Amino acid sequence: MAAVASCSSSALCTMPPQVPSTLAPRSASPTKPTFAFARIKGDVCLVQVPSDSPAQGCMSSALMAADVHVFRHEFITLFRYSHRATVHPADMHILEPIEDHATLYEEEKGTVFLARDVVTKLQKLTMDARRPGGGRYHRPRNSSSMSMSRPMHSPTRGVRS
């Protein structure tokens, strides 16, 4: 069922009160939400940053707080809206902007679907954030030659207490 605008004889048009947001009149230049992976206070998460936000690179970004919508990872490629946060630029670092073609945003449901390759990037960013030294530690190629279960300097046999 489509909603139709009704006009009175005074030429004043009004929209019915239950018009979906997709049919309501929009401004001349609608801004598409921008998504990015960001580190906020040490945690890597998916955020929606308005295009006019200081986090997107406005001139006064060093002093102004940014309003972002934070999404939590729910299932494979599905992210659900979690909360809105006002973050100082010192507490937030945009790790990687996500291109529009890699997202499907369902605003009315509060869900974002990401392309699988983008989710793979998120996993890599998350693993790098959890490693000590910011991902600079690399595991030896042949891990079977070294035993991580006991220290190398402790005696293993023939020691009596």
Protein backbone atom coordinates (compact mmCIF):
# COMPACT_ATOMS: atom_id res chain seq x y z
CA MET A 1 0.00 0.00 0.00
CA ALA A 2 1.54 3.29 -1.07
CA ALA A 3 1.16 6.46 0.94
CA VAL A 4 -0.18 9.42 -0.99
CA ALA A 5 0.17 13.07 -0.05
CA SER A 6 -3.14 14.85 0.44
CA CYS A 7 -3.72 18.45 -0.60
CA SER A 8 -6.35 20.78 0.77
CA SER A 9 -8.08 23.42 -1.32
CA SER A 10 -5.70 26.06 0.06
CA ALA A 11 -2.88 24.41 -1.95
CA LEU A 12 -1.07 23.37 1.24
CA CYS A 13 0.16 19.79 0.86
CA THR A 14 0.75 17.56 3.85
CA MET A 15 2.14 14.08 4.15
CA PRO A 16 0.18 11.45 6.07
CA PRO A 17 1.67 10.83 9.52
CA GLN A 18 2.75 7.23 8.77
CA VAL A 19 4.85 7.80 5.66
CA PRO A 20 7.96 5.59 5.54
CA SER A 21 11.20 7.53 5.54
CA THR A 22 11.95 6.32 2.01
CA LEU A 23 8.93 8.22 0.65
CA ALA A 24 9.29 11.37 2.72
CA PRO A 25 10.74 14.44 1.00
CA ARG A 26 14.52 14.66 1.32
CA SER A 27 16.96 17.50 1.27
CA ALA A 28 18.59 18.51 -1.99
CA SER A 29 21.84 16.69 -1.20
CA PRO A 30 21.29 13.59 0.94
CA THR A 31 24.48 12.42 2.58
CA LYS A 32 25.16 8.72 2.52
CA PRO A 33 26.53 7.40 5.80
CA THR A 34 30.18 6.52 5.79
CA PHE A 35 31.36 3.39 7.56
CA ALA A 36 34.86 2.67 8.79
CA PHE A 37 36.82 0.43 11.08
CA ALA A 38 38.06 2.53 13.97
CA ARG A 39 40.00 1.99 17.15
CA ILE A 40 38.10 3.65 19.99
CA LYS A 41 39.91 3.60 23.32
CA GLY A 42 41.81 0.48 22.26
CA ASP A 43 38.90 -1.52 20.80
CA VAL A 44 38.48 -2.10 17.06
CA CYS A 45 34.87 -1.64 15.95
CA LEU A 46 32.65 -0.69 13.03
CA VAL A 47 31.50 2.92 13.17
CA GLN A 48 29.22 5.11 11.11
CA VAL A 49 30.67 8.57 10.77
CA PRO A 50 28.59 11.43 9.34
CA SER A 51 30.28 13.08 6.35
CA ASP A 52 30.43 16.47 8.11
CA SER A 53 32.02 15.00 11.24
CA PRO A 54 35.49 16.01 12.41
CA ALA A 55 36.48 12.33 12.18
CA GLN A 56 36.16 12.62 8.40
CA GLY A 57 38.86 15.27 8.25
CA CYS A 58 37.26 18.68 8.79
CA MET A 59 39.58 21.59 9.54
CA SER A 60 38.83 21.70 13.28
CA SER A 61 39.13 17.96 13.84
CA ALA A 62 41.91 18.22 16.43
CA LEU A 63 39.67 20.02 18.90
CA MET A 64 36.11 18.89 18.17
CA ALA A 65 34.52 15.71 19.44
CA ALA A 66 33.01 13.39 16.84
CA ASP A 67 29.57 11.79 17.08
CA VAL A 68 29.70 8.23 15.79
CA HIS A 69 27.32 5.30 15.76
CA VAL A 70 28.97 2.10 16.95
CA PHE A 71 27.90 -1.28 15.55
CA ARG A 72 28.61 -4.62 17.20
CA HIS A 73 29.57 -7.73 15.24
CA GLU A 74 26.67 -10.14 15.48
CA PHE A 75 27.10 -12.88 12.87
CA ILE A 76 29.61 -13.48 10.05
CA THR A 77 28.90 -10.37 7.92
CA LEU A 78 26.08 -8.87 10.04
CA PHE A 79 26.62 -5.92 12.35
CA ARG A 80 23.87 -4.41 14.52
CA TYR A 81 23.62 -0.88 15.93
CA SER A 82 24.92 -0.79 19.49
CA HIS A 83 25.10 2.81 20.67
CA ARG A 84 25.97 6.39 19.83
CA ALA A 85 29.22 7.77 21.17
CA THR A 86 30.73 11.22 21.32
CA VAL A 87 34.45 10.61 21.05
CA HIS A 88 37.38 12.99 21.30
CA PRO A 89 39.73 12.64 18.30
CA ALA A 90 42.55 11.56 20.64
CA ASP A 91 40.46 8.52 21.66
CA MET A 92 39.50 7.46 18.14
CA HIS A 93 41.64 6.49 15.17
CA ILE A 94 40.04 5.56 11.83
CA LEU A 95 41.92 2.44 10.74
CA GLU A 96 40.27 1.88 7.39
CA PRO A 97 37.33 3.54 5.66
CA ILE A 98 34.93 1.08 4.02
CA GLU A 99 33.86 1.72 0.46
CA ASP A 100 30.14 2.18 -0.18
CA HIS A 101 29.88 -0.79 -2.55
CA ALA A 102 31.05 -3.12 0.26
CA THR A 103 28.19 -2.21 2.64
CA LEU A 104 24.46 -2.77 2.75
CA TYR A 105 22.91 -0.54 5.41
CA GLU A 106 19.35 -1.20 6.55
CA GLU A 107 18.73 1.91 8.62
CA GLU A 108 15.23 1.01 9.77
CA LYS A 109 16.51 -2.30 11.20
CA GLY A 110 19.80 -0.91 12.46
CA THR A 111 21.84 -3.51 10.60
CA VAL A 112 24.86 -3.33 8.33
CA PHE A 113 26.04 -6.16 6.10
CA LEU A 114 29.66 -6.10 5.00
CA ALA A 115 31.34 -7.90 2.13
CA ARG A 116 33.28 -10.99 3.22
CA ASP A 117 36.65 -9.54 2.25
CA VAL A 118 35.94 -6.52 4.46
CA VAL A 119 35.10 -8.82 7.39
CA THR A 120 38.41 -10.60 6.78
CA LYS A 121 40.16 -7.22 7.09
CA LEU A 122 38.32 -6.64 10.39
CA GLN A 123 39.57 -9.98 11.71
CA LYS A 124 43.13 -9.05 10.78
CA LEU A 125 42.82 -5.63 12.42
CA THR A 126 41.36 -7.22 15.55
CA MET A 127 44.15 -9.80 15.76
CA ASP A 128 46.79 -7.10 15.29
CA ALA A 129 45.21 -5.04 18.08
CA ARG A 130 45.29 -8.01 20.49
CA ARG A 131 48.95 -8.88 19.90
CA PRO A 132 51.53 -7.28 22.14
CA GLY A 133 53.48 -4.58 20.36
CA GLY A 134 50.69 -3.78 17.89
CA GLY A 135 51.22 -6.73 15.60
CA ARG A 136 55.00 -6.52 15.39
CA TYR A 137 55.49 -9.94 16.98
CA HIS A 138 55.84 -12.76 14.47
CA ARG A 139 55.68 -16.42 15.35
CA PRO A 140 58.62 -18.61 14.26
CA ARG A 141 57.99 -20.40 10.98
CA ASN A 142 58.72 -23.83 12.37
CA SER A 143 56.95 -23.79 15.70
CA SER A 144 57.35 -27.55 16.22
CA SER A 145 61.11 -27.19 16.77
CA MET A 146 60.56 -25.06 19.86
CA SER A 147 58.58 -26.14 22.86
CA MET A 148 56.60 -23.28 24.34
CA SER A 149 55.38 -25.38 27.26
CA ARG A 150 58.56 -25.18 29.35
CA PRO A 151 61.39 -22.70 29.58
CA MET A 152 64.59 -23.56 27.75
CA HIS A 153 66.83 -22.98 30.77
CA SER A 154 65.13 -25.39 33.16
CA PRO A 155 66.52 -28.93 33.47
CA THR A 156 64.29 -31.70 32.18
CA ARG A 157 65.88 -34.98 33.36
CA GLY A 158 68.03 -36.34 36.09
CA VAL A 159 67.36 -33.60 38.57
CA ARG A 160 66.56 -34.71 42.08
CA SER A 161 65.04 -32.45 44.61
